[in-house]
């Protein structure tokens, strides 16, 4: 293996690590957004039904 080949191998590894870092960062952000969205949806449904039950109870009295 000559010196030029070694340099290209090292540069290839650095580029691969940078691309992997960016991909993991983006996928992590998308995943966290999806998890937050799911939590907000569940909490919104619980609050909606709780409010509906309170208003239905207050109308009966």
Protein backbone atom coordinates (compact mmCIF):
# COMPACT_ATOMS: atom_id res chain seq x y z
CA UNK A 1 0.00 0.00 0.00
CA UNK A 2 1.45 3.33 -0.95
CA UNK A 3 1.14 6.62 0.87
CA UNK A 4 -1.54 8.02 -1.48
CA UNK A 5 -3.80 5.02 -0.84
CA UNK A 6 -3.42 5.42 2.92
CA UNK A 7 -4.36 9.12 2.74
CA UNK A 8 -7.50 8.33 0.72
CA UNK A 9 -8.43 5.59 3.18
CA UNK A 10 -8.10 7.96 6.15
CA UNK A 11 -10.07 10.69 4.34
CA UNK A 12 -12.76 8.13 3.45
CA UNK A 13 -13.07 7.09 7.08
CA UNK A 14 -13.34 10.72 8.22
CA UNK A 15 -16.02 11.48 5.62
CA UNK A 16 -17.93 8.31 6.58
CA UNK A 17 -17.86 9.28 10.27
CA UNK A 18 -19.07 12.83 9.50
CA UNK A 19 -21.92 11.53 7.31
CA UNK A 20 -22.90 8.98 9.98
CA UNK A 21 -22.82 11.69 12.66
CA UNK A 22 -25.15 13.93 10.63
CA UNK A 23 -27.53 11.06 9.83
CA UNK A 24 -27.75 9.95 13.46
CA UNK A 25 -28.35 13.56 14.53
CA UNK A 26 -31.14 14.06 11.99
CA UNK A 27 -32.75 10.69 12.74
CA UNK A 28 -32.54 11.41 16.47
CA UNK A 29 -34.26 14.77 16.00
CA UNK A 30 -37.01 13.23 13.85
CA UNK A 31 -37.50 10.42 16.36
CA UNK A 32 -37.68 12.83 19.30
CA UNK A 33 -40.20 14.97 17.39
CA UNK A 34 -42.35 11.90 16.69
CA UNK A 35 -42.23 10.85 20.36
CA UNK A 36 -43.15 14.36 21.54
CA UNK A 37 -45.98 14.48 19.00
CA UNK A 38 -47.34 11.15 20.26
CA UNK A 39 -47.17 12.30 23.89
CA UNK A 40 -48.94 15.57 23.04
CA UNK A 41 -51.66 13.65 21.20
CA UNK A 42 -52.25 11.32 24.16
CA UNK A 43 -52.36 14.20 26.66
CA UNK A 44 -54.70 16.18 24.39
CA UNK A 45 -57.10 13.23 24.16
CA UNK A 46 -57.07 12.78 27.95
CA UNK A 47 -57.69 16.51 28.52
CA UNK A 48 -60.46 16.54 25.90
CA UNK A 49 -62.34 13.66 27.52
CA UNK A 50 -61.80 15.07 31.02
CA UNK A 51 -63.22 18.46 29.96
CA UNK A 52 -66.10 16.77 28.16
CA UNK A 53 -66.94 14.78 31.29
CA UNK A 54 -66.79 17.93 33.49
CA UNK A 55 -69.03 19.93 31.17
CA UNK A 56 -71.51 17.05 30.84
CA UNK A 57 -71.64 16.74 34.64
CA UNK A 58 -72.15 20.49 35.09
CA UNK A 59 -75.01 20.53 32.56
CA UNK A 60 -76.89 17.79 34.41
CA UNK A 61 -76.95 19.78 37.67
